[in-house]
Amino acid sequence: MSPTAQEVVEEVAEYGPISDAKRWGAEALGTFVLVIGGVGTAVLAGERVGALGVALAFGLTLLFLVYAIGPISGCHVNPAVTVGHLLLGRIGAVTAVGYWIAQLIGGFLAGLVLFALAKNLPSYDRAVDGLGANGWGQHSPSAQRGPLGEVVLQNGYGMAAMIIIEVMLTALLVFVVLASTDQLSDVPLAGLSIGVTLAVIHLISIPVDNTSVNPARSLGVAPYQDGAMAQVWAFVVFPLIGGALGALVYGLLFGRSRNMLS
């Protein structure tokens, strides 16, 4: 048996099991904060902090969320992470569906707030500046644009690069989450290892497709960026495949899973 950090906390707590409503609320809040912290930095302060600053914003936000809401919901804040937990039997199907709905609600609310903030700046141009959405080809951050930013002179990374990046790096993230919260690991340091992993993932992949590894993050901001809705399906499908792959690798290396909890 391999209890998660959340389960260890629950076992020693004086109060009873945490209700599903509280878990779902924590997931919605956590996903909202993650998108605001990461994508918000890219949109509102990206020119000042650069790719390194955006990567650190995502990583540090997830780091403090692990400690803030981890004892309540396990701090998935990502449908791909929830897939990994579900496949290993750490959570049940009903709980997983509730997590997915909560994460999407949090992501969509964060996108709405970010768009309201961005368009409050007189110089903001939705067509040129976007809202930190993911994309490949002409929508890749590496695409070369004309002086005004409206005309694409040369496409950036293509679909193949995006698929490899999203599957591979989401698998890495999910593997680290599952491994760091395993009883064999130093559970109190889970937040640090998970947060640093997300930061490194962004350093690698921001130039490729603006880094998703999280369907809720992608869906939350795609409606506000031209061309993003036509490509957002890929940032749902391939991170979920990566999440399943990460769970498979974890199961093979650690050689066990959990019984159903709900």
Protein backbone atom coordinates (compact mmCIF):
# COMPACT_ATOMS: atom_id res chain seq x y z
CA MET A 1 0.00 0.00 0.00
CA SER A 2 1.16 3.50 -0.81
CA PRO A 3 -0.75 6.25 1.02
CA THR A 4 -0.64 9.77 -0.34
CA ALA A 5 0.38 12.83 1.68
CA GLN A 6 -3.28 13.79 1.96
CA GLU A 7 -4.21 10.39 3.42
CA VAL A 8 -1.39 10.54 5.99
CA VAL A 9 -2.71 13.89 7.19
CA GLU A 10 -6.26 12.55 7.38
CA GLU A 11 -5.19 9.51 9.39
CA VAL A 12 -3.63 11.59 12.16
CA ALA A 13 -6.23 14.34 12.14
CA GLU A 14 -8.65 14.59 15.01
CA TYR A 15 -11.60 15.36 12.75
CA GLY A 16 -13.35 13.04 10.34
CA PRO A 17 -12.81 12.58 6.62
CA ILE A 18 -12.96 15.71 4.48
CA SER A 19 -16.17 16.02 2.48
CA ASP A 20 -16.21 15.91 -1.32
CA ALA A 21 -17.61 19.43 -1.43
CA LYS A 22 -14.57 20.78 0.39
CA ARG A 23 -12.22 18.81 -1.88
CA TRP A 24 -13.93 20.15 -4.99
CA GLY A 25 -13.91 23.68 -3.61
CA ALA A 26 -10.18 23.42 -2.90
CA GLU A 27 -9.53 22.18 -6.44
CA ALA A 28 -11.50 25.03 -8.00
CA LEU A 29 -9.71 27.60 -5.84
CA GLY A 30 -6.31 26.02 -6.43
CA THR A 31 -6.73 25.88 -10.21
CA PHE A 32 -7.92 29.49 -10.23
CA VAL A 33 -4.83 30.58 -8.28
CA LEU A 34 -2.48 28.52 -10.46
CA VAL A 35 -3.79 30.09 -13.67
CA ILE A 36 -3.77 33.59 -12.17
CA GLY A 37 -0.25 33.10 -10.79
CA GLY A 38 1.28 31.55 -13.90
CA VAL A 39 -0.64 32.82 -16.91
CA GLY A 40 -1.26 36.10 -15.12
CA THR A 41 2.48 36.64 -14.83
CA ALA A 42 2.91 35.87 -18.53
CA VAL A 43 0.14 38.24 -19.61
CA LEU A 44 0.57 41.12 -17.18
CA ALA A 45 4.32 41.03 -16.51
CA GLY A 46 5.80 38.79 -19.21
CA GLU A 47 7.78 41.58 -20.88
CA ARG A 48 9.38 42.46 -17.55
CA VAL A 49 10.21 39.01 -16.16
CA GLY A 50 10.72 36.98 -19.34
CA ALA A 51 10.36 33.22 -19.74
CA LEU A 52 12.38 32.53 -16.59
CA GLY A 53 10.05 34.67 -14.51
CA VAL A 54 6.97 32.98 -15.97
CA ALA A 55 8.41 29.54 -15.30
CA LEU A 56 9.19 30.48 -11.70
CA ALA A 57 5.70 31.94 -11.29
CA PHE A 58 4.10 28.63 -12.29
CA GLY A 59 6.48 26.59 -10.15
CA LEU A 60 6.26 28.77 -7.04
CA THR A 61 2.48 29.00 -7.29
CA LEU A 62 2.14 25.22 -7.41
CA LEU A 63 4.67 24.88 -4.59
CA PHE A 64 2.67 26.95 -2.11
CA LEU A 65 -0.61 25.43 -3.28
CA VAL A 66 0.65 21.94 -2.42
CA TYR A 67 1.11 23.03 1.19
CA ALA A 68 -2.01 25.22 1.29
CA ILE A 69 -4.66 22.86 -0.13
CA GLY A 70 -2.77 19.56 -0.33
CA PRO A 71 -4.15 18.37 3.03
CA ILE A 72 -7.69 18.99 1.76
CA SER A 73 -7.76 17.72 -1.83
CA GLY A 74 -4.25 16.49 -2.58
CA CYS A 75 -3.70 19.60 -4.75
CA HIS A 76 -4.23 18.09 -8.18
CA VAL A 77 -5.29 21.42 -9.81
CA ASN A 78 -4.80 19.65 -13.14
CA PRO A 79 -7.06 17.10 -14.89
CA ALA A 80 -3.99 15.14 -16.05
CA VAL A 81 -2.83 14.70 -12.46
CA THR A 82 -6.31 13.55 -11.50
CA VAL A 83 -6.16 10.97 -14.33
CA GLY A 84 -2.96 9.61 -12.82
CA HIS A 85 -4.50 9.28 -9.36
CA LEU A 86 -7.63 7.68 -10.83
CA LEU A 87 -5.73 5.07 -12.83
CA LEU A 88 -3.79 4.04 -9.73
CA GLY A 89 -6.92 3.81 -7.61
CA ARG A 90 -5.94 6.62 -5.28
CA ILE A 91 -9.33 8.24 -5.89
CA GLY A 92 -12.64 6.94 -7.19
CA ALA A 93 -14.46 7.82 -10.41
CA VAL A 94 -17.04 10.06 -8.73
CA THR A 95 -14.35 12.04 -6.94
CA ALA A 96 -12.34 12.32 -10.16
CA VAL A 97 -15.30 13.71 -12.12
CA GLY A 98 -15.92 16.21 -9.35
CA TYR A 99 -12.25 17.23 -9.47
CA TRP A 100 -12.36 17.71 -13.25
CA ILE A 101 -15.46 19.89 -13.08
CA ALA A 102 -13.99 21.96 -10.24
CA GLN A 103 -10.68 22.41 -12.07
CA LEU A 104 -12.44 23.57 -15.23
CA ILE A 105 -14.55 26.04 -13.25
CA GLY A 106 -11.43 27.43 -11.60
CA GLY A 107 -9.62 27.69 -14.93
CA PHE A 108 -12.50 29.43 -16.72
CA LEU A 109 -12.98 31.92 -13.88
CA ALA A 110 -9.26 32.71 -13.91
CA GLY A 111 -9.35 33.29 -17.68
CA LEU A 112 -12.29 35.65 -17.30
CA VAL A 113 -10.54 37.64 -14.57
CA LEU A 114 -7.29 37.80 -16.54
CA PHE A 115 -9.06 39.05 -19.65
CA ALA A 116 -10.85 41.72 -17.61
CA LEU A 117 -7.52 42.87 -16.18
CA ALA A 118 -5.68 42.82 -19.50
CA LYS A 119 -8.26 44.78 -21.48
CA ASN A 120 -8.28 47.44 -18.76
CA LEU A 121 -4.87 48.53 -20.10
CA PRO A 122 -5.48 50.97 -22.99
CA SER A 123 -2.54 49.59 -25.01
CA TYR A 124 -3.75 45.99 -24.81
CA ASP A 125 -4.58 44.53 -28.23
CA ARG A 126 -6.38 41.20 -28.00
CA ALA A 127 -5.44 40.17 -31.55
CA VAL A 128 -1.74 40.91 -31.03
CA ASP A 129 -1.17 40.27 -27.32
CA GLY A 130 -3.53 37.33 -26.79
CA LEU A 131 -3.95 35.91 -23.30
CA GLY A 132 -1.17 33.39 -22.82
CA ALA A 133 -2.93 30.61 -24.75
CA ASN A 134 -1.15 27.55 -26.12
CA GLY A 135 -0.51 26.85 -29.78
CA TRP A 136 1.76 25.49 -32.48
CA GLY A 137 2.70 26.58 -35.99
CA GLN A 138 1.69 30.19 -36.47
CA HIS A 139 0.48 30.29 -32.87
CA SER A 140 3.75 29.01 -31.37
CA PRO A 141 5.67 31.59 -29.30
CA SER A 142 8.64 30.93 -31.62
CA ALA A 143 6.74 32.09 -34.71
CA GLN A 144 8.35 35.15 -36.30
CA ARG A 145 5.98 38.07 -36.72
CA GLY A 146 6.07 41.38 -38.54
CA PRO A 147 6.79 44.73 -36.86
CA LEU A 148 3.20 45.19 -35.70
CA GLY A 149 2.86 41.59 -34.52
CA GLU A 150 -0.18 40.83 -36.67
CA VAL A 151 1.45 39.12 -39.66
CA VAL A 152 3.23 35.77 -39.23
CA LEU A 153 6.41 35.73 -41.30
CA GLN A 154 7.52 32.22 -40.33
CA ASN A 155 5.78 29.51 -38.30
CA GLY A 156 7.19 28.33 -35.01
CA TYR A 157 7.38 24.77 -33.69
CA GLY A 158 5.01 22.37 -35.44
CA MET A 159 2.43 19.91 -34.22
CA ALA A 160 4.89 17.03 -33.85
CA ALA A 161 7.05 19.02 -31.43
CA MET A 162 3.95 20.04 -29.48
CA ILE A 163 2.75 16.43 -29.14
CA ILE A 164 6.15 15.21 -27.93
CA ILE A 165 6.48 18.06 -25.46
CA GLU A 166 2.98 17.77 -24.01
CA VAL A 167 2.99 13.98 -23.62
CA MET A 168 6.55 13.74 -22.30
CA LEU A 169 6.45 16.67 -19.89
CA THR A 170 2.97 15.95 -18.56
CA ALA A 171 4.11 12.38 -17.91
CA LEU A 172 7.10 13.78 -16.02
CA LEU A 173 4.90 16.07 -13.92
CA VAL A 174 2.41 13.34 -13.03
CA PHE A 175 5.19 10.88 -12.24
CA VAL A 176 6.84 13.39 -9.88
CA VAL A 177 3.51 14.15 -8.19
CA LEU A 178 2.75 10.46 -7.62
CA ALA A 179 6.29 9.59 -6.56
CA SER A 180 6.71 12.59 -4.25
CA THR A 181 3.51 11.78 -2.36
CA ASP A 182 4.37 8.09 -1.99
CA GLN A 183 5.11 6.89 1.53
CA LEU A 184 8.60 5.88 0.42
CA SER A 185 9.39 9.51 -0.38
CA ASP A 186 10.07 12.46 1.92
CA VAL A 187 6.45 13.63 1.83
CA PRO A 188 7.04 17.00 3.58
CA LEU A 189 9.26 18.00 0.65
CA ALA A 190 6.64 17.06 -1.96
CA GLY A 191 5.66 20.67 -2.61
CA LEU A 192 9.24 21.65 -3.34
CA SER A 193 9.89 18.79 -5.77
CA ILE A 194 6.56 19.26 -7.57
CA GLY A 195 6.93 23.04 -7.85
CA VAL A 196 10.50 22.86 -9.14
CA THR A 197 9.44 20.23 -11.68
CA LEU A 198 6.71 22.51 -13.06
CA ALA A 199 9.18 25.40 -13.30
CA VAL A 200 11.69 23.27 -15.24
CA ILE A 201 8.92 22.03 -17.53
CA HIS A 202 8.05 25.62 -18.42
CA LEU A 203 11.68 26.53 -19.04
CA ILE A 204 11.85 23.72 -21.58
CA SER A 205 8.57 24.20 -23.37
CA ILE A 206 7.50 27.86 -23.27
CA PRO A 207 9.21 28.54 -26.63
CA VAL A 208 7.53 25.49 -28.19
CA ASP A 209 3.83 25.91 -27.40
CA ASN A 210 3.65 28.20 -24.35
CA THR A 211 3.43 25.11 -22.10
CA SER A 212 0.16 23.49 -21.20
CA VAL A 213 0.64 20.14 -19.37
CA ASN A 214 -2.73 21.10 -17.84
CA PRO A 215 -6.03 21.03 -19.82
CA ALA A 216 -7.75 23.35 -17.35
CA ARG A 217 -5.04 25.99 -17.83
CA SER A 218 -5.40 25.78 -21.62
CA LEU A 219 -9.20 25.75 -21.76
CA GLY A 220 -9.48 28.65 -19.32
CA VAL A 221 -7.72 31.20 -21.55
CA ALA A 222 -8.22 29.85 -25.08
CA PRO A 223 -11.55 31.70 -25.72
CA TYR A 224 -9.79 35.05 -25.41
CA GLN A 225 -7.00 34.53 -27.96
CA ASP A 226 -7.50 34.49 -31.73
CA GLY A 227 -6.91 31.04 -33.23
CA ALA A 228 -6.52 29.30 -29.87
CA MET A 229 -9.91 27.58 -29.83
CA ALA A 230 -9.12 25.71 -33.06
CA GLN A 231 -6.04 24.15 -31.43
CA VAL A 232 -7.08 23.79 -27.79
CA TRP A 233 -8.32 20.20 -28.29
CA ALA A 234 -4.69 19.09 -28.55
CA PHE A 235 -3.88 20.61 -25.18
CA VAL A 236 -6.63 18.50 -23.66
CA VAL A 237 -5.91 15.20 -25.41
CA PHE A 238 -2.13 15.01 -25.22
CA PRO A 239 -1.68 16.13 -21.58
CA LEU A 240 -4.25 13.50 -20.57
CA ILE A 241 -2.29 10.87 -22.51
CA GLY A 242 0.84 12.10 -20.77
CA GLY A 243 -0.87 11.84 -17.39
CA ALA A 244 -1.77 8.21 -18.06
CA LEU A 245 1.80 7.51 -19.19
CA GLY A 246 3.21 9.08 -16.03
CA ALA A 247 0.96 6.90 -13.89
CA LEU A 248 2.08 3.82 -15.83
CA VAL A 249 5.78 4.61 -15.31
CA TYR A 250 5.18 5.27 -11.61
CA GLY A 251 3.37 1.94 -11.24
CA LEU A 252 6.19 0.09 -13.01
CA LEU A 253 8.96 1.66 -10.91
CA PHE A 254 7.23 1.65 -7.54
CA GLY A 255 5.49 -1.63 -8.28
CA ARG A 256 2.19 -0.90 -6.59
CA SER A 257 -0.96 1.19 -6.53
CA ARG A 258 -3.66 2.11 -4.06
CA ASN A 259 -7.02 0.50 -3.39
CA MET A 260 -10.07 2.56 -4.26
CA LEU A 261 -10.81 5.25 -1.69
CA SER A 262 -14.26 6.24 -2.85
